[in-house]
Amino acid sequence: MEQVGAPRAQAPGRASSARSDSPTVQSSAVAVDHLTKRFGDRVAFEDVSFRVGHGEVFGFLGPNGAGKTTTVRTLGTLLAPTSGAATVAGIELRPENGPAIRSRISIMPESPGLYLRLTVAENLECFARLYRLADRRERIERALRAVNLTDRANDLCRSLSKGLRQRTALARALLNDPAVLFLDEPTSGLDPVATREVHELIAALKERGVTIFLTTHRLEEAERLCDRVAILNTTMRLVGRPDELRARLFKSSLEVRLRSELTGAAAALGGVPGIEGWEAQPPSSYLLNVSDPDAVAPDVARALVHAGADICSMTETRHSLEDVYLELVDEDVEARRR
């Protein structure tokens, strides 16, 4: 697993980095080792390494220009890497292996690229023929069922909403029964209902054992769908489960809200084991950095009541994946210059 860049001074409320296991090359649907892509003097991404396990939904996050789409195109054999190595669907990423890799994967770009004057079924038939797939009728019917479009098979694509076009594009990506499915911003521009439908389709594909490589700008989407995420900004910043990344960047904390400001808060809180630091948040709240919220909370409550405080609420502060992302991007000079 890639680590955050060089060690830095720890700000209040931050936790130190910790390693966690990731899939090995043998257990990986995608294995990337020190991969770099340059266009002349411009670096698209550099020295990138990560693993994607079989049947995993792997989120690929980063700002515009971070190299996410270029990484997908490289792993999908549409671009040749400048250096480094990768294995995709069990096949080494080499020019001579391009046809074999493409037969095992599918890429759904942000723009569906459908023929609008053709029906849904005609689009799928066209692409099934281009890829010289056998049993085309059966594959098309199966793909339509997978995305709940059987009853729209004869509709012209130009008559479909953007959400239905995205589902059609997803059906097209499923025609070859891919071992690895690359989804590049699949919910971009969709309304909440269409977005939820795409999320449900992704969850269903995961249940079928499809490995999904998901690039997205929607952090709540990544947190909901992904087993693990990677944060890329030309180089890899961090890889791990969302809860693991939160623990690596932020310490556990309790937010305590009292009915009124407590005189002598330092004396009351200073003697509680497990409190590693605290700060007042006027008018009458306190943020406590703690080692273990569940273990410390009862002692905090007893100490405050003993000091005469009236506790209105005590909650564990939970940082979102967005907090993690913004913490890394905010500290990244390259991101600020974009």
Protein backbone atom coordinates (compact mmCIF):
# COMPACT_ATOMS: atom_id res chain seq x y z
CA MET A 1 0.00 0.00 0.00
CA GLU A 2 1.20 3.47 -0.80
CA GLN A 3 1.79 5.82 2.10
CA VAL A 4 1.23 9.55 2.41
CA GLY A 5 4.36 11.39 1.17
CA ALA A 6 7.05 12.46 3.62
CA PRO A 7 6.25 12.42 7.33
CA ARG A 8 4.97 15.73 8.58
CA ALA A 9 4.37 17.38 11.91
CA GLN A 10 1.13 16.17 13.39
CA ALA A 11 -1.57 18.76 13.97
CA PRO A 12 -4.00 18.46 16.89
CA GLY A 13 -6.64 15.85 16.16
CA ARG A 14 -4.52 13.94 13.62
CA ALA A 15 -3.51 10.32 13.92
CA SER A 16 -0.29 8.80 12.66
CA SER A 17 -0.19 6.64 9.52
CA ALA A 18 -0.45 2.90 9.82
CA ARG A 19 -0.03 0.12 7.31
CA SER A 20 -2.74 -2.34 6.37
CA ASP A 21 -2.82 -5.38 4.15
CA SER A 22 -3.81 -5.20 0.50
CA PRO A 23 -4.24 -7.97 -2.07
CA THR A 24 -1.10 -9.70 -3.33
CA VAL A 25 -0.29 -9.91 -7.03
CA GLN A 26 -1.64 -13.46 -7.12
CA SER A 27 -4.94 -12.49 -5.47
CA SER A 28 -5.35 -9.29 -7.51
CA ALA A 29 -7.61 -8.59 -10.43
CA VAL A 30 -5.40 -5.55 -11.13
CA ALA A 31 -1.81 -5.18 -9.93
CA VAL A 32 0.11 -1.99 -10.69
CA ASP A 33 3.80 -1.51 -9.90
CA HIS A 34 5.57 1.84 -10.29
CA LEU A 35 3.58 2.73 -13.37
CA THR A 36 4.31 6.07 -15.07
CA LYS A 37 2.81 7.83 -18.07
CA ARG A 38 4.28 10.95 -19.63
CA PHE A 39 3.28 12.94 -22.67
CA GLY A 40 6.54 14.59 -23.64
CA ASP A 41 7.58 16.72 -20.68
CA ARG A 42 4.15 16.52 -19.03
CA VAL A 43 3.64 13.90 -16.36
CA ALA A 44 0.13 12.40 -16.35
CA PHE A 45 0.88 10.10 -13.41
CA GLU A 46 4.12 8.87 -11.92
CA ASP A 47 5.38 5.89 -9.93
CA VAL A 48 1.89 4.62 -9.14
CA SER A 49 1.45 1.28 -7.36
CA PHE A 50 -1.68 -0.41 -6.00
CA ARG A 51 -3.65 -3.66 -5.99
CA VAL A 52 -7.32 -4.36 -6.69
CA GLY A 53 -8.72 -7.60 -5.29
CA HIS A 54 -11.05 -9.93 -7.18
CA GLY A 55 -14.68 -8.92 -6.67
CA GLU A 56 -13.71 -5.61 -5.09
CA VAL A 57 -15.19 -2.19 -5.80
CA PHE A 58 -12.09 0.00 -5.91
CA GLY A 59 -12.53 3.76 -5.89
CA PHE A 60 -10.07 5.98 -7.73
CA LEU A 61 -10.29 9.58 -6.50
CA GLY A 62 -8.47 12.79 -7.29
CA PRO A 63 -8.88 16.31 -8.65
CA ASN A 64 -9.21 17.14 -12.34
CA GLY A 65 -5.89 16.57 -14.05
CA ALA A 66 -4.70 14.11 -11.41
CA GLY A 67 -4.24 11.31 -13.97
CA LYS A 68 -7.27 9.15 -13.14
CA THR A 69 -8.67 8.80 -16.65
CA THR A 70 -5.19 8.39 -18.13
CA THR A 71 -4.57 5.56 -15.66
CA VAL A 72 -7.78 3.85 -16.78
CA ARG A 73 -6.85 4.25 -20.44
CA THR A 74 -3.41 2.85 -19.76
CA LEU A 75 -4.69 -0.18 -17.86
CA GLY A 76 -7.29 -0.66 -20.60
CA THR A 77 -4.49 -0.84 -23.23
CA LEU A 78 -5.64 2.36 -24.96
CA LEU A 79 -2.35 4.06 -24.00
CA ALA A 80 1.09 2.53 -23.54
CA PRO A 81 2.79 3.24 -20.21
CA THR A 82 6.10 5.10 -20.20
CA SER A 83 7.54 2.84 -17.52
CA GLY A 84 6.53 0.41 -14.82
CA ALA A 85 4.50 -2.79 -14.94
CA ALA A 86 0.94 -3.96 -14.42
CA THR A 87 -1.20 -7.06 -14.57
CA VAL A 88 -4.85 -6.69 -15.60
CA ALA A 89 -7.30 -9.59 -15.26
CA GLY A 90 -4.34 -11.92 -14.79
CA ILE A 91 -2.55 -10.78 -17.97
CA GLU A 92 0.64 -8.74 -18.11
CA LEU A 93 0.22 -5.25 -19.54
CA ARG A 94 2.28 -5.55 -22.72
CA PRO A 95 1.53 -4.41 -26.29
CA GLU A 96 1.28 -7.97 -27.58
CA ASN A 97 -1.23 -8.82 -24.82
CA GLY A 98 -3.61 -5.98 -25.70
CA PRO A 99 -6.27 -8.14 -27.44
CA ALA A 100 -6.25 -10.69 -24.60
CA ILE A 101 -6.66 -7.99 -21.94
CA ARG A 102 -9.44 -6.23 -23.85
CA SER A 103 -11.35 -9.51 -24.10
CA ARG A 104 -11.32 -9.75 -20.30
CA ILE A 105 -12.25 -6.17 -19.39
CA SER A 106 -14.71 -3.42 -20.28
CA ILE A 107 -14.41 0.34 -20.01
CA MET A 108 -17.44 2.57 -19.62
CA PRO A 109 -16.35 6.18 -20.28
CA GLU A 110 -18.03 9.24 -18.81
CA SER A 111 -19.64 9.99 -22.18
CA PRO A 112 -21.69 6.94 -23.28
CA GLY A 113 -20.84 7.30 -27.00
CA LEU A 114 -24.02 5.64 -28.24
CA TYR A 115 -25.49 5.83 -31.73
CA LEU A 116 -28.54 7.98 -31.04
CA ARG A 117 -30.40 6.99 -34.24
CA LEU A 118 -30.26 3.33 -33.27
CA THR A 119 -32.39 1.58 -30.68
CA VAL A 120 -30.96 0.26 -27.43
CA ALA A 121 -30.88 -3.30 -28.80
CA GLU A 122 -29.37 -2.15 -32.11
CA ASN A 123 -26.57 -0.37 -30.27
CA LEU A 124 -25.78 -3.51 -28.31
CA GLU A 125 -25.95 -5.63 -31.46
CA CYS A 126 -23.55 -3.25 -33.22
CA PHE A 127 -20.96 -3.42 -30.46
CA ALA A 128 -21.36 -7.16 -29.99
CA ARG A 129 -20.54 -7.60 -33.68
CA LEU A 130 -17.57 -5.22 -33.48
CA TYR A 131 -16.15 -7.34 -30.67
CA ARG A 132 -17.02 -10.53 -32.59
CA LEU A 133 -18.88 -12.00 -29.65
CA ALA A 134 -20.57 -15.37 -29.96
CA ASP A 135 -24.15 -15.92 -28.77
CA ARG A 136 -24.95 -12.25 -29.34
CA ARG A 137 -28.70 -12.52 -28.79
CA GLU A 138 -28.29 -14.28 -25.46
CA ARG A 139 -25.61 -11.81 -24.34
CA ILE A 140 -27.76 -8.81 -25.26
CA GLU A 141 -30.79 -10.17 -23.43
CA ARG A 142 -28.68 -10.92 -20.37
CA ALA A 143 -27.12 -7.44 -20.40
CA LEU A 144 -30.52 -5.77 -20.75
CA ARG A 145 -31.87 -7.75 -17.81
CA ALA A 146 -28.85 -6.81 -15.72
CA VAL A 147 -29.57 -3.08 -16.12
CA ASN A 148 -33.38 -3.37 -16.12
CA LEU A 149 -33.79 -2.18 -19.72
CA THR A 150 -35.53 -5.15 -21.32
CA ASP A 151 -38.72 -3.15 -21.84
CA ARG A 152 -36.79 -0.29 -23.50
CA ALA A 153 -34.85 -2.44 -25.97
CA ASN A 154 -36.65 -1.02 -29.00
CA ASP A 155 -36.50 2.64 -27.94
CA LEU A 156 -34.27 4.97 -29.91
CA CYS A 157 -31.32 6.08 -27.80
CA ARG A 158 -31.96 9.72 -28.66
CA SER A 159 -35.31 9.45 -26.87
CA LEU A 160 -33.73 8.25 -23.61
CA SER A 161 -32.90 10.34 -20.58
CA LYS A 162 -29.25 10.65 -19.61
CA GLY A 163 -29.79 8.12 -16.85
CA LEU A 164 -31.17 5.54 -19.28
CA ARG A 165 -28.32 6.22 -21.70
CA GLN A 166 -25.88 5.52 -18.88
CA ARG A 167 -27.65 2.26 -18.19
CA THR A 168 -27.47 1.40 -21.89
CA ALA A 169 -23.74 2.12 -21.85
CA LEU A 170 -23.40 -0.11 -18.81
CA ALA A 171 -25.27 -2.88 -20.64
CA ARG A 172 -22.83 -2.49 -23.53
CA ALA A 173 -19.91 -2.82 -21.10
CA LEU A 174 -21.36 -6.09 -19.78
CA LEU A 175 -21.69 -7.79 -23.16
CA ASN A 176 -18.38 -9.63 -22.89
CA ASP A 177 -18.88 -10.69 -19.25
CA PRO A 178 -15.82 -8.72 -18.08
CA ALA A 179 -13.67 -9.87 -15.22
CA VAL A 180 -12.76 -6.22 -14.58
CA LEU A 181 -15.13 -3.34 -15.29
CA PHE A 182 -13.69 0.19 -15.45
CA LEU A 183 -16.32 2.86 -14.77
CA ASP A 184 -15.21 6.44 -15.40
CA GLU A 185 -17.56 8.90 -13.67
CA PRO A 186 -20.67 6.73 -14.26
CA THR A 187 -23.04 9.10 -12.42
CA SER A 188 -21.70 12.39 -13.78
CA GLY A 189 -24.60 14.73 -14.51
CA LEU A 190 -27.28 12.32 -13.31
CA ASP A 191 -30.17 13.34 -11.08
CA PRO A 192 -30.49 11.68 -7.63
CA VAL A 193 -32.93 9.00 -8.80
CA ALA A 194 -30.78 7.96 -11.76
CA THR A 195 -27.69 8.06 -9.55
CA ARG A 196 -29.32 5.72 -7.04
CA GLU A 197 -30.22 3.31 -9.86
CA VAL A 198 -26.62 3.23 -11.08
CA HIS A 199 -25.46 2.63 -7.49
CA GLU A 200 -27.85 -0.31 -7.22
CA LEU A 201 -26.53 -1.74 -10.49
CA ILE A 202 -22.95 -1.47 -9.27
CA ALA A 203 -23.87 -3.24 -6.03
CA ALA A 204 -25.58 -5.99 -8.02
CA LEU A 205 -22.51 -6.44 -10.24
CA LYS A 206 -20.33 -6.76 -7.16
CA GLU A 207 -22.60 -9.52 -5.86
CA ARG A 208 -22.00 -11.33 -9.17
CA GLY A 209 -18.26 -11.20 -8.52
CA VAL A 210 -17.36 -8.50 -11.06
CA THR A 211 -14.31 -6.44 -10.09
CA ILE A 212 -15.16 -2.76 -10.47
CA PHE A 213 -12.62 0.04 -10.85
CA LEU A 214 -14.57 3.23 -10.21
CA THR A 215 -13.32 6.76 -10.85
CA THR A 216 -15.55 9.42 -9.35
CA HIS A 217 -15.62 12.97 -8.03
CA ARG A 218 -18.53 12.11 -5.72
CA LEU A 219 -16.93 11.29 -2.41
CA GLU A 220 -20.18 10.18 -0.80
CA GLU A 221 -20.55 7.77 -3.73
CA ALA A 222 -17.11 6.29 -3.12
CA GLU A 223 -17.78 5.99 0.60
CA ARG A 224 -21.05 4.18 -0.05
CA LEU A 225 -19.88 1.81 -2.78
CA CYS A 226 -16.17 1.15 -2.43
CA ASP A 227 -14.39 -1.48 -0.39
CA ARG A 228 -11.17 0.52 -0.71
CA VAL A 229 -10.20 3.80 -2.32
CA ALA A 230 -7.04 5.36 -3.72
CA ILE A 231 -6.40 9.09 -3.77
CA LEU A 232 -4.29 10.12 -6.75
CA ASN A 233 -2.78 13.47 -7.59
CA THR A 234 -0.22 12.58 -10.27
CA THR A 235 1.41 10.37 -7.64
CA MET A 236 -0.41 8.07 -5.25
CA ARG A 237 -1.29 9.76 -1.97
CA LEU A 238 -3.11 7.08 -0.02
CA VAL A 239 -4.79 3.68 -0.48
CA GLY A 240 -7.06 1.90 1.96
CA ARG A 241 -10.54 1.37 3.31
CA PRO A 242 -12.42 4.61 4.02
CA ASP A 243 -12.56 3.91 7.76
CA GLU A 244 -8.86 3.04 7.76
CA LEU A 245 -7.95 6.28 5.98
CA ARG A 246 -9.95 8.28 8.51
CA ALA A 247 -8.07 6.58 11.33
CA ARG A 248 -4.73 7.26 9.67
CA LEU A 249 -5.31 10.99 9.29
CA PHE A 250 -7.54 11.90 12.23
CA LYS A 251 -7.56 10.96 15.88
CA SER A 252 -10.73 9.78 17.56
CA SER A 253 -12.64 12.54 19.29
CA LEU A 254 -15.72 13.22 21.37
CA GLU A 255 -17.81 16.36 21.10
CA VAL A 256 -19.48 17.28 24.39
CA ARG A 257 -22.17 19.94 24.53
CA LEU A 258 -23.12 21.33 27.95
CA ARG A 259 -26.07 23.45 29.01
CA SER A 260 -23.68 26.24 30.01
CA GLU A 261 -19.96 26.90 30.12
CA LEU A 262 -18.15 24.92 32.78
CA THR A 263 -15.91 26.80 35.17
CA GLY A 264 -12.88 24.66 35.89
CA ALA A 265 -13.13 22.51 32.78
CA ALA A 266 -9.38 21.95 32.80
CA ALA A 267 -9.50 20.45 36.27
CA ALA A 268 -12.51 18.25 35.42
CA LEU A 269 -11.15 16.91 32.14
CA GLY A 270 -7.47 16.82 33.02
CA GLY A 271 -7.86 13.88 35.34
CA VAL A 272 -9.74 11.59 32.93
CA PRO A 273 -7.56 8.75 31.58
CA GLY A 274 -7.64 8.44 27.80
CA ILE A 275 -8.09 12.15 27.01
CA GLU A 276 -5.08 13.12 24.89
CA GLY A 277 -6.05 16.76 24.43
CA TRP A 278 -9.07 19.00 24.33
CA GLU A 279 -10.26 22.41 23.21
CA ALA A 280 -13.21 24.58 24.16
CA GLN A 281 -15.72 25.45 21.44
CA PRO A 282 -17.72 28.44 22.71
CA PRO A 283 -20.21 28.94 24.06
CA SER A 284 -20.42 25.63 25.93
CA SER A 285 -19.00 22.74 23.89
CA TYR A 286 -15.72 20.84 24.14
CA LEU A 287 -13.84 18.72 21.60
CA LEU A 288 -11.85 15.94 23.25
CA ASN A 289 -9.14 13.93 21.48
CA VAL A 290 -9.38 10.45 22.96
CA SER A 291 -7.72 7.09 22.58
CA ASP A 292 -10.94 5.06 22.57
CA PRO A 293 -14.31 6.89 22.47
CA ASP A 294 -16.33 3.98 23.86
CA ALA A 295 -13.97 3.43 26.77
CA VAL A 296 -13.46 7.11 27.64
CA ALA A 297 -17.03 8.42 27.28
CA PRO A 298 -18.40 7.03 30.61
CA ASP A 299 -15.44 8.47 32.53
CA VAL A 300 -15.91 11.84 30.82
CA ALA A 301 -19.59 11.89 31.72
CA ARG A 302 -18.89 11.05 35.38
CA ALA A 303 -16.16 13.70 35.63
CA LEU A 304 -18.34 16.42 34.14
CA VAL A 305 -21.38 15.58 36.28
CA HIS A 306 -19.15 15.51 39.36
CA ALA A 307 -17.94 19.01 38.40
CA GLY A 308 -21.55 20.21 38.27
CA ALA A 309 -22.03 20.25 34.48
CA ASP A 310 -25.33 19.53 32.78
CA ILE A 311 -24.57 17.38 29.71
CA CYS A 312 -26.86 17.99 26.74
CA SER A 313 -25.11 15.60 24.34
CA MET A 314 -21.93 13.60 23.84
CA THR A 315 -21.15 12.24 20.37
CA GLU A 316 -18.17 10.69 18.64
CA THR A 317 -16.93 12.92 15.85
CA ARG A 318 -16.80 10.95 12.62
CA HIS A 319 -14.74 12.30 9.74
CA SER A 320 -16.03 11.60 6.26
CA LEU A 321 -14.09 10.47 3.22
CA GLU A 322 -14.47 14.06 2.04
CA ASP A 323 -12.50 15.20 5.11
CA VAL A 324 -9.73 12.76 4.19
CA TYR A 325 -9.71 13.89 0.58
CA LEU A 326 -9.67 17.59 1.38
CA GLU A 327 -6.94 17.09 3.96
CA LEU A 328 -4.66 15.50 1.37
CA VAL A 329 -5.57 17.78 -1.52
CA ASP A 330 -5.40 20.92 0.61
CA GLU A 331 -1.84 20.08 1.59
CA ASP A 332 -0.85 19.26 -1.99
CA VAL A 333 0.88 22.10 -3.84
CA GLU A 334 0.11 20.58 -7.25
CA ALA A 335 -3.60 20.51 -6.50
CA ARG A 336 -3.67 24.13 -5.33
CA ARG A 337 -1.94 25.29 -8.50
CA ARG A 338 -4.52 23.68 -10.79
